[in-house]
Amino acid sequence: MIILTGPCVLEDRDTVLKIAQKLQPLSEDKRVEFYFKASFDKANRTSLSSYRGPGLEEGLKLFEEVKKEFGYKIVTDIHESYQAKPAGEVVDILQIPAFLCRQTDLLVAAAQTNCKVNIKKGQFLAADSMKHPVEKVLKTRGVDEVSFEASKQNGVWLCERGNVFGYGSLVVDMKNLIAMREYAPVIFDATHSAQVPSTGGTTGGNSAIVPSLAKAAAAVGVDGFFFETHTDPSVAKSDGPNMLQVDDLYKTVEDIFAIQEALKR
């Protein structure tokens, strides 16, 4: 099972390394294909005054330190085309944010690196619309066929994180998990699916529902999971309300494995 997990944004060095150390047992689990996730710049924060991260240059240095100390593969998101090349020289997966999943130049720039590309489904899109972002990446890599196998072989994933219905509400349609696997391996983003977007000057959330959403996705069948986690979500500098505390992450992962084992019987 693929697991992408870590803090929403790179905070101070000590906090990042502490979280990375706490995730070491998960990284060593033979059942898991592990990636450490964090953002060097959160360019889509609700408020101008919200913490965005250390930026590209300092962020990549911190990623290099995490890789050197723990041996982790890294995933980070990019918001501008120029970020793809330098980030792609350090990290292993470039993630395309949901709001930017139709941005052709960004997708092409990511496809031109040697990284896997994880494309988050826009909160405003139907599942079948995600064929087109996948096609942009695959064609840039010289592949004309859009299929699960073609995407798997060429390092293209899709990521579900819910759809917007009404004002400030995200709803996960589990049918999307099935539909998108026609085009690519599917990662379920359990923590962002629990968001309550733009509640005043910040984004809120309800982390209590994260384990239930993850278990539902496991029952449907996905290729991996995305969890934002922190040693203390109450003081996280971004997305704290929908993050899992690290110990709760481990319990949720074990529940997922139990569901997968039950389905094999």
C-alpha atoms as a PDB file:
ATOM      1  CA  MET A   1       0.000   0.000   0.000  1.00  0.00           C
ATOM      2  CA  ILE A   2       1.244   3.458  -0.921  1.00  0.00           C
ATOM      3  CA  ILE A   3       1.200   5.938   1.971  1.00  0.00           C
ATOM      4  CA  LEU A   4       2.025   9.629   1.609  1.00  0.00           C
ATOM      5  CA  THR A   5       2.214  11.290   5.005  1.00  0.00           C
ATOM      6  CA  GLY A   6       3.809  14.132   6.916  1.00  0.00           C
ATOM      7  CA  PRO A   7       3.024  17.695   7.984  1.00  0.00           C
ATOM      8  CA  CYS A   8       1.024  19.980   5.721  1.00  0.00           C
ATOM      9  CA  VAL A   9       3.862  22.470   5.457  1.00  0.00           C
ATOM     10  CA  LEU A  10       7.535  22.490   6.380  1.00  0.00           C
ATOM     11  CA  GLU A  11       7.691  24.189   9.766  1.00  0.00           C
ATOM     12  CA  ASP A  12      10.881  24.770  11.771  1.00  0.00           C
ATOM     13  CA  ARG A  13      13.651  22.205  11.325  1.00  0.00           C
ATOM     14  CA  ASP A  14      13.236  20.596  14.755  1.00  0.00           C
ATOM     15  CA  THR A  15       9.498  20.020  14.280  1.00  0.00           C
ATOM     16  CA  VAL A  16       9.966  18.539  10.809  1.00  0.00           C
ATOM     17  CA  LEU A  17      12.681  16.151  11.971  1.00  0.00           C
ATOM     18  CA  LYS A  18      10.654  15.149  15.026  1.00  0.00           C
ATOM     19  CA  ILE A  19       7.665  14.240  12.845  1.00  0.00           C
ATOM     20  CA  ALA A  20       9.935  12.415  10.398  1.00  0.00           C
ATOM     21  CA  GLN A  21      11.457  10.390  13.245  1.00  0.00           C
ATOM     22  CA  LYS A  22       7.998   9.434  14.544  1.00  0.00           C
ATOM     23  CA  LEU A  23       7.134   8.057  11.098  1.00  0.00           C
ATOM     24  CA  GLN A  24      10.187   5.814  10.895  1.00  0.00           C
ATOM     25  CA  PRO A  25       8.384   2.597  11.968  1.00  0.00           C
ATOM     26  CA  LEU A  26       5.806   3.168   9.213  1.00  0.00           C
ATOM     27  CA  SER A  27       8.553   3.707   6.651  1.00  0.00           C
ATOM     28  CA  GLU A  28      10.079   0.374   7.680  1.00  0.00           C
ATOM     29  CA  ASP A  29       6.785  -1.534   7.416  1.00  0.00           C
ATOM     30  CA  LYS A  30       7.230  -4.034   4.565  1.00  0.00           C
ATOM     31  CA  ARG A  31       3.547  -3.682   3.658  1.00  0.00           C
ATOM     32  CA  VAL A  32       3.995   0.011   2.858  1.00  0.00           C
ATOM     33  CA  GLU A  33       5.479   2.026   0.001  1.00  0.00           C
ATOM     34  CA  PHE A  34       6.290   5.090   2.098  1.00  0.00           C
ATOM     35  CA  TYR A  35       6.679   8.751   1.089  1.00  0.00           C
ATOM     36  CA  PHE A  36       7.279  11.687   3.430  1.00  0.00           C
ATOM     37  CA  LYS A  37       5.015  14.590   2.493  1.00  0.00           C
ATOM     38  CA  ALA A  38       5.285  18.311   3.192  1.00  0.00           C
ATOM     39  CA  SER A  39       5.001  21.594   1.286  1.00  0.00           C
ATOM     40  CA  PHE A  40       7.807  24.124   0.930  1.00  0.00           C
ATOM     41  CA  ASP A  41       5.265  26.833   0.076  1.00  0.00           C
ATOM     42  CA  LYS A  42       1.513  26.866   0.642  1.00  0.00           C
ATOM     43  CA  ALA A  43       0.620  29.346  -2.067  1.00  0.00           C
ATOM     44  CA  ASN A  44      -3.137  28.855  -1.639  1.00  0.00           C
ATOM     45  CA  ARG A  45      -3.626  29.860   2.001  1.00  0.00           C
ATOM     46  CA  THR A  46      -6.912  31.588   2.821  1.00  0.00           C
ATOM     47  CA  SER A  47      -5.319  34.617   4.473  1.00  0.00           C
ATOM     48  CA  LEU A  48      -2.404  36.751   3.295  1.00  0.00           C
ATOM     49  CA  SER A  49      -0.983  36.600   6.814  1.00  0.00           C
ATOM     50  CA  SER A  50      -1.058  32.785   7.105  1.00  0.00           C
ATOM     51  CA  TYR A  51       2.232  30.882   7.298  1.00  0.00           C
ATOM     52  CA  ARG A  52       3.295  29.620   3.879  1.00  0.00           C
ATOM     53  CA  GLY A  53       6.535  27.756   4.548  1.00  0.00           C
ATOM     54  CA  PRO A  54      10.261  28.353   4.095  1.00  0.00           C
ATOM     55  CA  GLY A  55      10.122  28.694   0.313  1.00  0.00           C
ATOM     56  CA  LEU A  56      11.653  26.655  -2.497  1.00  0.00           C
ATOM     57  CA  GLU A  57      15.368  27.029  -1.761  1.00  0.00           C
ATOM     58  CA  GLU A  58      15.259  26.482   2.005  1.00  0.00           C
ATOM     59  CA  GLY A  59      12.549  23.863   1.671  1.00  0.00           C
ATOM     60  CA  LEU A  60      14.600  21.732  -0.707  1.00  0.00           C
ATOM     61  CA  LYS A  61      17.568  21.922   1.681  1.00  0.00           C
ATOM     62  CA  LEU A  62      15.363  20.586   4.481  1.00  0.00           C
ATOM     63  CA  PHE A  63      14.042  17.813   2.234  1.00  0.00           C
ATOM     64  CA  GLU A  64      17.627  16.843   1.430  1.00  0.00           C
ATOM     65  CA  GLU A  65      18.372  16.646   5.160  1.00  0.00           C
ATOM     66  CA  VAL A  66      15.317  14.417   5.736  1.00  0.00           C
ATOM     67  CA  LYS A  67      16.405  12.147   2.886  1.00  0.00           C
ATOM     68  CA  LYS A  68      19.950  11.945   4.195  1.00  0.00           C
ATOM     69  CA  GLU A  69      18.969  11.229   7.808  1.00  0.00           C
ATOM     70  CA  PHE A  70      16.021   8.879   7.253  1.00  0.00           C
ATOM     71  CA  GLY A  71      16.348   7.659   3.665  1.00  0.00           C
ATOM     72  CA  TYR A  72      12.775   8.684   2.891  1.00  0.00           C
ATOM     73  CA  LYS A  73      11.337   9.227  -0.545  1.00  0.00           C
ATOM     74  CA  ILE A  74       9.701  12.667  -0.653  1.00  0.00           C
ATOM     75  CA  VAL A  75       6.506  14.139  -2.109  1.00  0.00           C
ATOM     76  CA  THR A  76       5.810  17.862  -2.336  1.00  0.00           C
ATOM     77  CA  ASP A  77       3.409  20.062  -4.238  1.00  0.00           C
ATOM     78  CA  ILE A  78       4.304  22.729  -6.774  1.00  0.00           C
ATOM     79  CA  HIS A  79       2.251  25.769  -7.720  1.00  0.00           C
ATOM     80  CA  GLU A  80       4.393  27.326 -10.448  1.00  0.00           C
ATOM     81  CA  SER A  81       5.909  25.692 -13.540  1.00  0.00           C
ATOM     82  CA  TYR A  82       9.415  26.945 -12.744  1.00  0.00           C
ATOM     83  CA  GLN A  83       9.383  24.988  -9.465  1.00  0.00           C
ATOM     84  CA  ALA A  84       9.115  21.603 -11.181  1.00  0.00           C
ATOM     85  CA  LYS A  85      12.725  21.263 -12.342  1.00  0.00           C
ATOM     86  CA  PRO A  86      14.563  22.202  -9.112  1.00  0.00           C
ATOM     87  CA  ALA A  87      12.064  20.364  -6.927  1.00  0.00           C
ATOM     88  CA  GLY A  88      12.233  17.344  -9.218  1.00  0.00           C
ATOM     89  CA  GLU A  89      15.975  17.080  -8.632  1.00  0.00           C
ATOM     90  CA  VAL A  90      15.378  16.482  -4.901  1.00  0.00           C
ATOM     91  CA  VAL A  91      11.951  14.901  -4.408  1.00  0.00           C
ATOM     92  CA  ASP A  92      10.445  11.702  -5.795  1.00  0.00           C
ATOM     93  CA  ILE A  93       6.841  12.775  -6.411  1.00  0.00           C
ATOM     94  CA  LEU A  94       5.591  16.140  -7.633  1.00  0.00           C
ATOM     95  CA  GLN A  95       2.029  16.777  -6.508  1.00  0.00           C
ATOM     96  CA  ILE A  96      -0.358  18.971  -8.479  1.00  0.00           C
ATOM     97  CA  PRO A  97      -2.755  20.848  -6.162  1.00  0.00           C
ATOM     98  CA  ALA A  98      -6.471  20.274  -6.693  1.00  0.00           C
ATOM     99  CA  PHE A  99      -7.218  23.870  -7.693  1.00  0.00           C
ATOM    100  CA  LEU A 100      -4.458  23.660 -10.338  1.00  0.00           C
ATOM    101  CA  CYS A 101      -5.186  20.225 -11.825  1.00  0.00           C
ATOM    102  CA  ARG A 102      -6.212  21.737 -15.183  1.00  0.00           C
ATOM    103  CA  GLN A 103      -3.105  23.955 -15.507  1.00  0.00           C
ATOM    104  CA  THR A 104      -1.446  22.596 -18.622  1.00  0.00           C
ATOM    105  CA  ASP A 105       1.933  24.294 -18.182  1.00  0.00           C
ATOM    106  CA  LEU A 106       2.219  22.993 -14.614  1.00  0.00           C
ATOM    107  CA  LEU A 107       1.326  19.436 -15.634  1.00  0.00           C
ATOM    108  CA  VAL A 108       3.741  19.490 -18.566  1.00  0.00           C
ATOM    109  CA  ALA A 109       6.579  20.862 -16.421  1.00  0.00           C
ATOM    110  CA  ALA A 110       6.017  18.106 -13.848  1.00  0.00           C
ATOM    111  CA  ALA A 111       5.871  15.481 -16.605  1.00  0.00           C
ATOM    112  CA  GLN A 112       9.236  16.635 -17.948  1.00  0.00           C
ATOM    113  CA  THR A 113      10.974  15.600 -14.710  1.00  0.00           C
ATOM    114  CA  ASN A 114      11.857  12.061 -13.636  1.00  0.00           C
ATOM    115  CA  CYS A 115       9.382  12.232 -10.766  1.00  0.00           C
ATOM    116  CA  LYS A 116       6.089  10.473 -10.337  1.00  0.00           C
ATOM    117  CA  VAL A 117       3.207  12.941 -10.701  1.00  0.00           C
ATOM    118  CA  ASN A 118       0.304  12.830  -8.231  1.00  0.00           C
ATOM    119  CA  ILE A 119      -2.610  14.875  -9.581  1.00  0.00           C
ATOM    120  CA  LYS A 120      -5.233  15.904  -7.058  1.00  0.00           C
ATOM    121  CA  LYS A 121      -8.778  15.972  -8.412  1.00  0.00           C
ATOM    122  CA  GLY A 122     -10.263  19.448  -8.318  1.00  0.00           C
ATOM    123  CA  GLN A 123     -13.037  19.902  -5.774  1.00  0.00           C
ATOM    124  CA  PHE A 124     -15.109  21.234  -8.677  1.00  0.00           C
ATOM    125  CA  LEU A 125     -14.626  18.311 -11.109  1.00  0.00           C
ATOM    126  CA  ALA A 126     -16.329  15.021 -11.840  1.00  0.00           C
ATOM    127  CA  ALA A 127     -14.189  11.894 -11.808  1.00  0.00           C
ATOM    128  CA  ASP A 128     -14.264  11.402 -15.589  1.00  0.00           C
ATOM    129  CA  SER A 129     -12.841  14.909 -16.095  1.00  0.00           C
ATOM    130  CA  MET A 130      -9.552  13.674 -14.650  1.00  0.00           C
ATOM    131  CA  LYS A 131      -8.796  11.746 -17.828  1.00  0.00           C
ATOM    132  CA  HIS A 132      -7.559  14.999 -19.363  1.00  0.00           C
ATOM    133  CA  PRO A 133      -4.868  15.932 -16.791  1.00  0.00           C
ATOM    134  CA  VAL A 134      -3.610  12.344 -16.943  1.00  0.00           C
ATOM    135  CA  GLU A 135      -3.507  12.556 -20.724  1.00  0.00           C
ATOM    136  CA  LYS A 136      -1.443  15.768 -20.594  1.00  0.00           C
ATOM    137  CA  VAL A 137       1.201  14.099 -18.433  1.00  0.00           C
ATOM    138  CA  LEU A 138       1.262  10.843 -20.378  1.00  0.00           C
ATOM    139  CA  LYS A 139       1.470  12.532 -23.784  1.00  0.00           C
ATOM    140  CA  THR A 140       4.321  14.719 -22.543  1.00  0.00           C
ATOM    141  CA  ARG A 141       6.058  11.466 -21.621  1.00  0.00           C
ATOM    142  CA  GLY A 142       5.390  10.037 -25.082  1.00  0.00           C
ATOM    143  CA  VAL A 143       2.441   7.798 -24.179  1.00  0.00           C
ATOM    144  CA  ASP A 144      -0.808   8.053 -26.156  1.00  0.00           C
ATOM    145  CA  GLU A 145      -2.898   5.516 -24.240  1.00  0.00           C
ATOM    146  CA  VAL A 146      -4.759   6.692 -21.132  1.00  0.00           C
ATOM    147  CA  SER A 147      -5.304   3.686 -18.883  1.00  0.00           C
ATOM    148  CA  PHE A 148      -4.572   2.395 -15.412  1.00  0.00           C
ATOM    149  CA  GLU A 149      -1.639   0.320 -16.644  1.00  0.00           C
ATOM    150  CA  ALA A 150      -0.149   3.103 -18.778  1.00  0.00           C
ATOM    151  CA  SER A 151      -0.301   5.495 -15.839  1.00  0.00           C
ATOM    152  CA  LYS A 152       1.112   2.949 -13.405  1.00  0.00           C
ATOM    153  CA  GLN A 153       4.061   2.219 -15.689  1.00  0.00           C
ATOM    154  CA  ASN A 154       4.742   5.916 -16.301  1.00  0.00           C
ATOM    155  CA  GLY A 155       4.353   7.208 -12.757  1.00  0.00           C
ATOM    156  CA  VAL A 156       1.032   9.064 -12.930  1.00  0.00           C
ATOM    157  CA  TRP A 157      -1.403   8.898 -10.024  1.00  0.00           C
ATOM    158  CA  LEU A 158      -4.749  10.522  -9.258  1.00  0.00           C
ATOM    159  CA  CYS A 159      -5.749  11.697  -5.793  1.00  0.00           C
ATOM    160  CA  GLU A 160      -9.307  12.106  -4.490  1.00  0.00           C
ATOM    161  CA  ARG A 161     -10.045  14.715  -1.811  1.00  0.00           C
ATOM    162  CA  GLY A 162     -13.782  15.338  -2.062  1.00  0.00           C
ATOM    163  CA  ASN A 163     -16.119  17.660  -3.916  1.00  0.00           C
ATOM    164  CA  VAL A 164     -17.628  20.973  -2.900  1.00  0.00           C
ATOM    165  CA  PHE A 165     -21.377  21.005  -2.343  1.00  0.00           C
ATOM    166  CA  GLY A 166     -22.918  24.227  -1.090  1.00  0.00           C
ATOM    167  CA  TYR A 167     -20.819  26.588   0.978  1.00  0.00           C
ATOM    168  CA  GLY A 168     -17.847  25.263   2.890  1.00  0.00           C
ATOM    169  CA  SER A 169     -18.618  21.578   2.693  1.00  0.00           C
ATOM    170  CA  LEU A 170     -16.596  18.747   1.132  1.00  0.00           C
ATOM    171  CA  VAL A 171     -18.335  15.484   0.319  1.00  0.00           C
ATOM    172  CA  VAL A 172     -16.552  12.309  -0.785  1.00  0.00           C
ATOM    173  CA  ASP A 173     -18.374  10.315  -3.444  1.00  0.00           C
ATOM    174  CA  MET A 174     -16.875   6.845  -3.180  1.00  0.00           C
ATOM    175  CA  LYS A 175     -17.909   6.130  -6.778  1.00  0.00           C
ATOM    176  CA  ASN A 176     -15.121   8.502  -7.828  1.00  0.00           C
ATOM    177  CA  LEU A 177     -12.535   6.092  -6.420  1.00  0.00           C
ATOM    178  CA  ILE A 178     -13.789   3.409  -8.773  1.00  0.00           C
ATOM    179  CA  ALA A 179     -14.212   5.675 -11.790  1.00  0.00           C
ATOM    180  CA  MET A 180     -10.767   7.280 -11.624  1.00  0.00           C
ATOM    181  CA  ARG A 181      -8.983   3.915 -11.485  1.00  0.00           C
ATOM    182  CA  GLU A 182      -9.886   3.554 -15.160  1.00  0.00           C
ATOM    183  CA  TYR A 183      -7.234   6.208 -15.838  1.00  0.00           C
ATOM    184  CA  ALA A 184      -4.598   5.808 -13.123  1.00  0.00           C
ATOM    185  CA  PRO A 185      -3.780   4.387  -9.682  1.00  0.00           C
ATOM    186  CA  VAL A 186      -5.843   6.237  -7.085  1.00  0.00           C
ATOM    187  CA  ILE A 187      -4.668   7.724  -3.792  1.00  0.00           C
ATOM    188  CA  PHE A 188      -7.303   8.703  -1.247  1.00  0.00           C
ATOM    189  CA  ASP A 189      -6.570  11.917   0.636  1.00  0.00           C
ATOM    190  CA  ALA A 190      -8.376  11.227   3.892  1.00  0.00           C
ATOM    191  CA  THR A 191      -7.331  14.372   5.774  1.00  0.00           C
ATOM    192  CA  HIS A 192      -8.133  17.029   3.168  1.00  0.00           C
ATOM    193  CA  SER A 193     -11.469  15.305   2.593  1.00  0.00           C
ATOM    194  CA  ALA A 194     -12.284  16.297   6.179  1.00  0.00           C
ATOM    195  CA  GLN A 195     -11.666  19.993   5.507  1.00  0.00           C
ATOM    196  CA  VAL A 196     -14.220  22.728   6.039  1.00  0.00           C
ATOM    197  CA  PRO A 197     -12.820  25.307   3.608  1.00  0.00           C
ATOM    198  CA  SER A 198     -12.467  28.984   4.440  1.00  0.00           C
ATOM    199  CA  THR A 199     -14.212  29.234   7.787  1.00  0.00           C
ATOM    200  CA  GLY A 200     -13.480  32.914   8.254  1.00  0.00           C
ATOM    201  CA  GLY A 201      -9.791  33.680   7.755  1.00  0.00           C
ATOM    202  CA  THR A 202      -8.613  30.067   7.912  1.00  0.00           C
ATOM    203  CA  THR A 203      -9.586  26.607   6.726  1.00  0.00           C
ATOM    204  CA  GLY A 204     -11.277  24.428   9.318  1.00  0.00           C
ATOM    205  CA  GLY A 205     -11.825  20.704   9.472  1.00  0.00           C
ATOM    206  CA  ASN A 206     -12.950  17.714  11.475  1.00  0.00           C
ATOM    207  CA  SER A 207     -10.143  15.217  12.020  1.00  0.00           C
ATOM    208  CA  ALA A 208     -12.495  12.904  13.922  1.00  0.00           C
ATOM    209  CA  ILE A 209     -14.010  11.697  10.645  1.00  0.00           C
ATOM    210  CA  VAL A 210     -10.655  10.962   8.964  1.00  0.00           C
ATOM    211  CA  PRO A 211     -10.399   7.313  10.134  1.00  0.00           C
ATOM    212  CA  SER A 212     -13.959   6.579   8.978  1.00  0.00           C
ATOM    213  CA  LEU A 213     -13.334   8.086   5.555  1.00  0.00           C
ATOM    214  CA  ALA A 214     -10.093   6.128   5.204  1.00  0.00           C
ATOM    215  CA  LYS A 215     -11.764   2.865   6.189  1.00  0.00           C
ATOM    216  CA  ALA A 216     -14.592   3.468   3.710  1.00  0.00           C
ATOM    217  CA  ALA A 217     -12.057   4.070   0.933  1.00  0.00           C
ATOM    218  CA  ALA A 218     -10.184   0.905   1.917  1.00  0.00           C
ATOM    219  CA  ALA A 219     -13.415  -1.070   1.615  1.00  0.00           C
ATOM    220  CA  VAL A 220     -14.045   0.349  -1.869  1.00  0.00           C
ATOM    221  CA  GLY A 221     -10.452  -0.309  -2.933  1.00  0.00           C
ATOM    222  CA  VAL A 222      -7.693   2.209  -3.645  1.00  0.00           C
ATOM    223  CA  ASP A 223      -3.968   2.027  -4.337  1.00  0.00           C
ATOM    224  CA  GLY A 224      -2.832   4.230  -1.487  1.00  0.00           C
ATOM    225  CA  PHE A 225      -3.595   6.887   1.091  1.00  0.00           C
ATOM    226  CA  PHE A 226      -2.557  10.458   1.794  1.00  0.00           C
ATOM    227  CA  PHE A 227      -2.585  11.588   5.430  1.00  0.00           C
ATOM    228  CA  GLU A 228      -1.340  14.833   6.880  1.00  0.00           C
ATOM    229  CA  THR A 229       0.004  14.201  10.351  1.00  0.00           C
ATOM    230  CA  HIS A 230       1.707  16.049  13.180  1.00  0.00           C
ATOM    231  CA  THR A 231       2.974  15.339  16.681  1.00  0.00           C
ATOM    232  CA  ASP A 232       0.592  18.052  17.918  1.00  0.00           C
ATOM    233  CA  PRO A 233      -2.016  19.152  15.338  1.00  0.00           C
ATOM    234  CA  SER A 234      -3.286  21.859  17.705  1.00  0.00           C
ATOM    235  CA  VAL A 235      -0.134  23.899  17.049  1.00  0.00           C
ATOM    236  CA  ALA A 236       0.372  22.977  13.388  1.00  0.00           C
ATOM    237  CA  LYS A 237       0.946  26.010  11.173  1.00  0.00           C
ATOM    238  CA  SER A 238      -1.408  24.766   8.458  1.00  0.00           C
ATOM    239  CA  ASP A 239      -4.417  22.415   8.317  1.00  0.00           C
ATOM    240  CA  GLY A 240      -4.248  21.437  11.989  1.00  0.00           C
ATOM    241  CA  PRO A 241      -8.026  20.872  12.351  1.00  0.00           C
ATOM    242  CA  ASN A 242      -8.075  18.018   9.831  1.00  0.00           C
ATOM    243  CA  MET A 243      -4.666  16.460  10.589  1.00  0.00           C
ATOM    244  CA  LEU A 244      -4.174  13.153  12.379  1.00  0.00           C
ATOM    245  CA  GLN A 245      -1.964  12.949  15.433  1.00  0.00           C
ATOM    246  CA  VAL A 246       0.823  10.470  14.636  1.00  0.00           C
ATOM    247  CA  ASP A 247      -0.418   7.776  17.046  1.00  0.00           C
ATOM    248  CA  ASP A 248      -3.909   7.998  15.510  1.00  0.00           C
ATOM    249  CA  LEU A 249      -2.329   7.628  12.072  1.00  0.00           C
ATOM    250  CA  TYR A 250      -0.796   4.290  13.073  1.00  0.00           C
ATOM    251  CA  LYS A 251      -4.130   2.992  14.368  1.00  0.00           C
ATOM    252  CA  THR A 252      -5.893   4.082  11.178  1.00  0.00           C
ATOM    253  CA  VAL A 253      -3.292   2.346   9.014  1.00  0.00           C
ATOM    254  CA  GLU A 254      -3.765  -0.904  10.940  1.00  0.00           C
ATOM    255  CA  ASP A 255      -7.545  -0.632  10.510  1.00  0.00           C
ATOM    256  CA  ILE A 256      -7.028  -0.197   6.771  1.00  0.00           C
ATOM    257  CA  PHE A 257      -4.868  -3.311   6.588  1.00  0.00           C
ATOM    258  CA  ALA A 258      -7.479  -5.269   8.556  1.00  0.00           C
ATOM    259  CA  ILE A 259     -10.159  -4.267   6.047  1.00  0.00           C
ATOM    260  CA  GLN A 260      -7.954  -5.227   3.107  1.00  0.00           C
ATOM    261  CA  GLU A 261      -7.223  -8.612   4.660  1.00  0.00           C
ATOM    262  CA  ALA A 262     -10.926  -9.211   5.300  1.00  0.00           C
ATOM    263  CA  LEU A 263     -11.712  -8.478   1.653  1.00  0.00           C
ATOM    264  CA  LYS A 264      -9.235 -11.128   0.522  1.00  0.00           C
ATOM    265  CA  ARG A 265     -11.082 -13.910   2.354  1.00  0.00           C
END
